[in-house]
Protein backbone atom coordinates (compact mmCIF):
# COMPACT_ATOMS: atom_id res chain seq x y z
CA MET A 1 21.46 -20.93 -5.19
CA ILE A 2 22.68 -17.08 -5.01
CA TYR A 3 20.31 -14.36 -6.65
CA ASP A 4 22.10 -10.62 -7.83
CA CYS A 5 19.06 -9.56 -6.44
CA ILE A 6 16.06 -9.91 -4.34
CA VAL A 7 13.09 -7.40 -4.93
CA ILE A 8 10.80 -7.83 -2.01
CA GLY A 9 7.20 -6.26 -3.36
CA MET A 10 5.39 -6.77 -6.38
CA GLY A 11 3.54 -3.21 -6.60
CA ILE A 12 4.60 -0.90 -9.46
CA SER A 13 7.96 0.09 -7.91
CA GLY A 14 8.79 -3.35 -7.08
CA ILE A 15 7.79 -4.73 -10.53
CA SER A 16 9.62 -1.22 -12.29
CA ALA A 17 12.79 -2.09 -10.67
CA ALA A 18 12.88 -5.59 -11.44
CA ILE A 19 12.16 -4.84 -15.58
CA TYR A 20 15.39 -2.98 -15.42
CA LEU A 21 17.13 -5.78 -13.61
CA LYS A 22 16.23 -8.56 -15.69
CA ASN A 23 16.59 -6.36 -18.99
CA GLY A 24 20.22 -5.82 -17.05
CA GLY A 25 20.91 -9.52 -17.61
CA LEU A 26 20.86 -9.96 -13.43
CA ASN A 27 19.55 -13.23 -12.08
CA ILE A 28 16.62 -11.82 -9.68
CA LEU A 29 13.51 -13.13 -7.59
CA MET A 30 10.50 -11.25 -7.02
CA LEU A 31 8.36 -11.97 -3.38
CA GLU A 32 5.29 -10.80 -2.41
CA LYS A 33 3.07 -11.73 0.76
CA GLU A 34 -0.35 -10.89 -0.90
CA ALA A 35 -0.95 -10.56 -4.97
CA PRO A 36 0.65 -9.31 -7.57
CA GLY A 37 0.28 -5.18 -7.66
CA GLY A 38 0.09 -4.64 -3.93
CA LEU A 39 -1.55 -1.99 -3.21
CA LEU A 40 -2.99 -0.97 -6.54
CA ASN A 41 -5.29 -4.22 -6.56
CA LYS A 42 -7.60 -2.09 -3.78
CA ILE A 43 -7.61 1.52 -5.65
CA ASN A 44 -10.73 2.37 -7.11
CA LYS A 45 -10.11 4.80 -9.88
CA ILE A 46 -6.42 6.21 -11.32
CA ASN A 47 -6.68 9.58 -13.74
CA ASN A 48 -2.78 10.27 -13.15
CA TYR A 49 -1.04 7.67 -14.38
CA PRO A 50 0.62 8.55 -18.02
CA GLY A 51 -0.66 6.77 -20.48
CA TYR A 52 -4.66 6.34 -18.65
CA ALA A 53 -6.68 9.01 -19.03
CA GLU A 54 -8.91 6.63 -16.39
CA THR A 55 -8.61 3.28 -15.05
CA THR A 56 -8.88 1.44 -11.89
CA GLY A 57 -6.14 -0.27 -9.85
CA PRO A 58 -6.67 -3.88 -10.68
CA GLU A 59 -6.83 -2.90 -14.17
CA LEU A 60 -3.66 -1.12 -13.85
CA SER A 61 -1.72 -3.94 -11.56
CA TYR A 62 -2.85 -6.56 -14.80
CA LYS A 63 -1.28 -4.77 -17.08
CA VAL A 64 1.84 -3.92 -14.88
CA PHE A 65 2.08 -7.83 -14.04
CA GLU A 66 2.14 -8.75 -17.94
CA SER A 67 5.53 -7.43 -18.37
CA VAL A 68 6.51 -10.01 -15.45
CA GLU A 69 5.05 -12.27 -17.47
CA ALA A 70 6.49 -11.50 -20.87
CA LEU A 71 10.29 -10.91 -19.21
CA GLU A 72 9.68 -14.37 -17.58
CA ILE A 73 10.51 -12.84 -14.30
CA PRO A 74 10.31 -15.07 -11.53
CA TYR A 75 8.51 -14.89 -8.14
CA LYS A 76 6.70 -16.46 -5.55
CA LEU A 77 3.83 -15.70 -3.27
CA GLU A 78 5.68 -15.62 0.28
CA GLU A 79 5.79 -12.92 3.18
CA VAL A 80 9.37 -11.59 4.23
CA VAL A 81 9.92 -11.83 8.00
CA ASP A 82 13.48 -11.38 8.21
CA ILE A 83 16.51 -9.87 6.49
CA SER A 84 19.76 -10.50 8.04
CA LEU A 85 23.59 -10.39 6.66
CA ALA A 86 26.21 -13.02 6.23
CA ASP A 87 29.53 -13.38 4.36
CA ASN A 88 28.66 -10.03 2.41
CA LEU A 89 25.65 -11.62 1.35
CA LYS A 90 22.13 -10.64 2.14
CA ILE A 91 20.12 -13.70 3.67
CA VAL A 92 15.96 -12.99 3.25
CA LYS A 93 13.96 -15.59 5.14
CA THR A 94 10.45 -15.55 4.18
CA ASN A 95 7.26 -17.50 5.90
CA LYS A 96 8.34 -20.55 3.67
CA ASP A 97 11.70 -20.33 3.23
CA THR A 98 15.22 -18.87 3.03
CA TYR A 99 17.26 -17.14 0.22
CA LYS A 100 20.59 -15.61 0.11
CA THR A 101 21.29 -12.61 -2.61
CA LYS A 102 23.67 -10.03 -3.29
CA TYR A 103 21.16 -7.20 -3.73
CA ILE A 104 17.74 -6.07 -2.19
CA VAL A 105 15.36 -4.12 -3.60
CA ILE A 106 12.60 -3.07 -0.50
CA ALA A 107 9.53 -2.25 -2.31
CA SER A 108 7.04 -3.62 0.12
CA GLY A 109 4.92 -0.77 0.51
CA ARG A 110 2.70 0.55 3.20
CA ASN A 111 -0.31 -0.60 5.16
CA PRO A 112 -3.36 0.81 5.70
CA ARG A 113 -3.97 2.80 9.30
CA LYS A 114 -5.81 1.36 11.73
CA LEU A 115 -7.80 3.44 14.20
CA ASN A 116 -6.76 1.20 17.30
CA ILE A 117 -9.78 1.20 19.18
CA GLU A 118 -11.55 -2.30 20.83
CA ASN A 119 -13.08 -4.48 18.05
CA GLU A 120 -11.43 -3.50 15.25
CA LYS A 121 -9.39 -6.06 14.71
CA GLU A 122 -12.13 -8.63 15.16
CA LEU A 123 -14.65 -6.69 12.93
CA THR A 124 -11.89 -6.64 9.83
CA GLY A 125 -13.64 -8.51 7.11
CA LYS A 126 -16.73 -8.64 9.26
CA GLY A 127 -18.04 -5.14 8.52
CA VAL A 128 -14.52 -3.29 8.93
CA SER A 129 -12.91 -2.55 5.95
CA THR A 130 -9.82 -0.40 4.21
CA CYS A 131 -10.92 -1.28 0.55
CA ALA A 132 -14.20 -0.44 -0.65
CA ILE A 133 -13.02 -1.88 -4.10
CA CYS A 134 -12.96 -4.89 -2.20
CA ASP A 135 -16.04 -4.76 -0.06
CA GLY A 136 -18.12 -2.19 -1.16
CA SER A 137 -20.83 -4.59 -3.16
CA LEU A 138 -21.64 -6.24 0.15
CA TYR A 139 -23.13 -2.99 1.49
CA LYS A 140 -25.69 -2.46 -1.47
CA GLY A 141 -28.66 -0.66 -0.18
CA GLN A 142 -27.43 -0.60 3.51
CA ASP A 143 -26.09 2.15 5.77
CA ILE A 144 -22.37 2.76 6.21
CA ALA A 145 -19.56 4.71 7.72
CA ILE A 146 -16.33 6.07 6.21
CA VAL A 147 -13.43 7.65 8.72
CA GLY A 148 -11.25 10.08 6.86
CA GLY A 149 -10.52 13.28 5.03
CA GLY A 150 -7.82 13.04 2.48
CA ASN A 151 -8.46 11.78 -1.11
CA SER A 152 -8.76 8.35 -0.25
CA ALA A 153 -11.69 8.53 1.88
CA LEU A 154 -13.37 11.18 -0.11
CA GLU A 155 -12.54 8.79 -3.78
CA GLU A 156 -14.11 5.89 -1.99
CA ALA A 157 -17.36 8.00 -0.47
CA ILE A 158 -18.32 8.71 -4.13
CA TYR A 159 -17.80 5.57 -5.51
CA LEU A 160 -19.75 4.16 -2.60
CA SER A 161 -22.34 6.34 -3.05
CA LYS A 162 -23.46 4.85 -5.83
CA LEU A 163 -23.87 1.76 -4.05
CA VAL A 164 -24.88 1.50 -0.81
CA ASN A 165 -28.17 3.84 0.87
CA LYS A 166 -26.41 6.29 2.89
CA ILE A 167 -22.87 7.32 4.23
CA TYR A 168 -21.83 8.90 7.33
CA LEU A 169 -18.25 10.71 6.05
CA ILE A 170 -16.27 10.93 9.82
CA HIS A 171 -13.85 13.96 10.08
CA ARG A 172 -11.71 14.28 12.91
CA ARG A 173 -10.97 18.06 11.59
CA ASP A 174 -13.30 21.28 10.35
CA THR A 175 -12.31 21.12 7.17
CA PHE A 176 -10.75 17.83 4.64
CA ARG A 177 -7.53 17.68 3.32
CA ALA A 178 -8.28 16.31 -0.15
CA GLU A 179 -8.56 17.80 -3.04
CA GLN A 180 -11.11 20.50 -3.49
CA SER A 181 -12.35 19.01 -6.78
CA LEU A 182 -13.19 15.66 -4.78
CA VAL A 183 -14.76 17.86 -1.36
CA ASN A 184 -17.10 19.62 -3.78
CA LYS A 185 -18.09 16.26 -5.61
CA VAL A 186 -18.61 14.70 -2.18
CA LYS A 187 -20.95 17.45 -0.76
CA LYS A 188 -23.07 17.18 -3.89
CA GLN A 189 -24.08 13.77 -3.01
CA ALA A 190 -27.42 13.68 -1.74
CA ASN A 191 -26.98 10.13 0.36
CA ILE A 192 -23.52 11.66 2.21
CA GLU A 193 -23.44 13.19 5.42
CA ILE A 194 -20.64 14.52 6.75
CA LEU A 195 -19.53 14.67 10.85
CA TYR A 196 -16.75 17.01 11.13
CA ASN A 197 -14.51 17.25 14.43
CA SER A 198 -15.70 13.84 14.96
CA ASN A 199 -13.80 10.76 15.90
CA VAL A 200 -15.11 6.88 15.90
CA THR A 201 -14.61 5.99 19.63
CA LYS A 202 -16.59 2.88 19.43
CA ILE A 203 -17.64 -0.31 17.38
CA ASN A 204 -20.35 -2.53 18.33
CA SER A 205 -21.25 -6.14 17.09
CA THR A 206 -23.79 -8.44 17.43
CA ASN A 207 -22.90 -11.79 16.85
CA ASP A 208 -19.38 -10.84 15.67
CA ILE A 209 -20.34 -8.64 12.99
CA LEU A 210 -20.87 -4.97 12.71
CA GLU A 211 -23.92 -3.42 14.17
CA SER A 212 -22.79 -0.12 15.04
CA ILE A 213 -20.70 2.84 15.73
CA GLU A 214 -20.19 5.41 18.65
CA VAL A 215 -19.27 9.04 17.81
CA ASN A 216 -17.28 11.07 19.75
CA ASN A 217 -18.45 8.91 23.14
CA GLU A 218 -22.12 10.22 22.56
CA ARG A 219 -23.94 9.31 19.08
CA THR A 220 -24.54 5.77 18.30
CA ILE A 221 -25.14 5.47 14.67
CA THR A 222 -26.04 1.88 12.94
CA VAL A 223 -24.56 1.07 9.88
CA LYS A 224 -23.71 -2.41 8.34
CA GLY A 225 -19.80 -1.42 7.26
CA LEU A 226 -17.32 0.75 8.74
CA PHE A 227 -14.70 1.99 6.01
CA VAL A 228 -11.04 3.50 7.66
CA TYR A 229 -8.97 5.87 5.71
CA VAL A 230 -6.90 7.43 8.00
CA GLY A 231 -3.79 7.24 6.30
CA PHE A 232 -0.66 4.37 5.77
CA GLU A 233 2.31 3.22 7.29
CA SER A 234 4.98 1.31 5.93
CA ASN A 235 5.61 -2.14 5.39
CA THR A 236 8.55 -2.24 7.37
CA GLY A 237 8.48 -4.13 10.32
CA TYR A 238 10.58 -7.06 9.56
CA LEU A 239 13.61 -4.64 8.73
CA LYS A 240 13.80 -3.73 12.80
CA ASN A 241 17.51 -5.63 12.79
CA LEU A 242 18.82 -3.33 9.94
CA ASN A 243 18.36 0.28 11.51
CA ILE A 244 17.50 1.76 8.04
CA THR A 245 14.36 3.82 8.99
CA ASN A 246 13.50 6.17 10.88
CA GLU A 247 11.03 6.51 13.93
CA SER A 248 7.97 6.48 11.39
CA GLY A 249 9.34 3.20 9.72
CA ASN A 250 9.99 4.54 6.41
CA ILE A 251 12.98 3.46 4.80
CA LEU A 252 15.91 6.31 4.36
CA VAL A 253 17.86 5.99 1.40
CA ASN A 254 20.29 8.19 -0.53
CA ALA A 255 19.47 9.97 -4.56
CA GLU A 256 20.61 6.37 -5.88
CA GLY A 257 17.81 4.75 -3.82
CA GLU A 258 20.22 3.07 -1.48
CA THR A 259 19.97 3.09 2.11
CA GLN A 260 22.63 3.00 4.64
CA VAL A 261 23.75 -1.06 4.25
CA ASP A 262 25.81 -1.44 0.93
CA GLY A 263 23.62 -3.59 -1.33
CA ILE A 264 19.98 -2.91 0.18
CA TYR A 265 18.16 -0.28 -1.66
CA ALA A 266 14.60 0.90 -1.20
CA ALA A 267 11.95 2.31 -3.66
CA GLY A 268 7.93 3.55 -3.32
CA ASP A 269 5.69 4.13 -0.48
CA ALA A 270 8.19 2.16 1.67
CA ILE A 271 10.63 5.08 1.79
CA GLN A 272 10.50 8.18 3.32
CA LYS A 273 9.84 11.18 0.55
CA ASP A 274 7.60 14.11 0.13
CA LEU A 275 5.58 12.31 -2.95
CA TYR A 276 3.73 9.28 -2.38
CA GLN A 277 2.49 8.43 -6.39
CA LEU A 278 2.57 5.42 -8.83
CA VAL A 279 4.74 7.72 -10.77
CA THR A 280 7.14 8.32 -8.22
CA GLY A 281 6.87 4.77 -7.34
CA ALA A 282 7.86 3.62 -10.75
CA SER A 283 10.36 6.24 -11.02
CA GLU A 284 12.26 4.51 -7.80
CA GLY A 285 12.35 0.93 -8.84
CA ALA A 286 14.04 2.42 -11.77
CA ILE A 287 16.81 4.95 -9.95
CA ALA A 288 17.37 1.64 -7.29
CA ALA A 289 17.08 -0.53 -10.21
CA VAL A 290 19.79 0.72 -12.27
CA ASN A 291 22.25 2.04 -9.88
CA ILE A 292 22.36 -1.78 -8.75
CA ILE A 293 23.30 -2.56 -12.22
CA LYS A 294 26.23 0.35 -12.43
CA ASP A 295 27.32 -0.99 -9.25
CA ILE A 296 27.88 -4.56 -10.18
CA ASN A 297 29.79 -3.34 -13.43
CA GLN A 298 31.91 -1.33 -11.74
CA LYS A 299 33.16 -3.91 -8.87
CA GLU A 300 33.56 -6.31 -11.94
CA ASN A 301 35.59 -3.81 -13.79
CA ALA A 302 37.70 -2.80 -11.01
């Protein structure tokens, strides 16, 4: 089978694109390596998406996925590992199968950035985490550390402060990058100790379980959990053969959402842009889909 379009990623931008493509009468397939909703499933609190005074990532993810089910949009939980070009088609290879399509919308989002220090990878899931809503309940009444100074780090610090005994909030600068309202809330939490101008330089373990961290190569702090919020990097490693990303791994697109490869579009957190928000991701997915439909119609009427 040759699809009209394959959408890679089932976050809000990918699902937005799929809705428009399906309503446009195209034969499409969605591919997602983890779970529908993508990074949405790891967001604790959302209060800036139209129609929701306040909700959680998993709740919004479920509502968005309802559109997929209602429109009977086909999808498969497979990880895309490579995209190649052949005979005016795009060949999408996953960890399970290979698919042919005329168009692609890449909406594979971003991954949490790592600290890239010893033991971090080995202890992920064993004390090291990037998802408070996923793992926070494991540390009730315990001491933990959070690394970061942006909105995500402070939002999760506020959330976790209601569960844990104490939080060491570790930030490499002397001021936070987060919104001032979040900074004010964090500073009011009695069980959050802020460590400015600090970096986690070592992670210690006992029996393959996190035991403590070392800060600035001089202070050892005993913690049961370490939550890392130091930004994101685009999930675009599988695109290396297409030359459509910049040096940071972000996909470059034009105003129509198309890359320099004809028929390959991108949307959401995987692209190079100024504002990474749910509402912009949804918009970009729609823009890419509408322009694919226009392109198909123009070619059919040529």
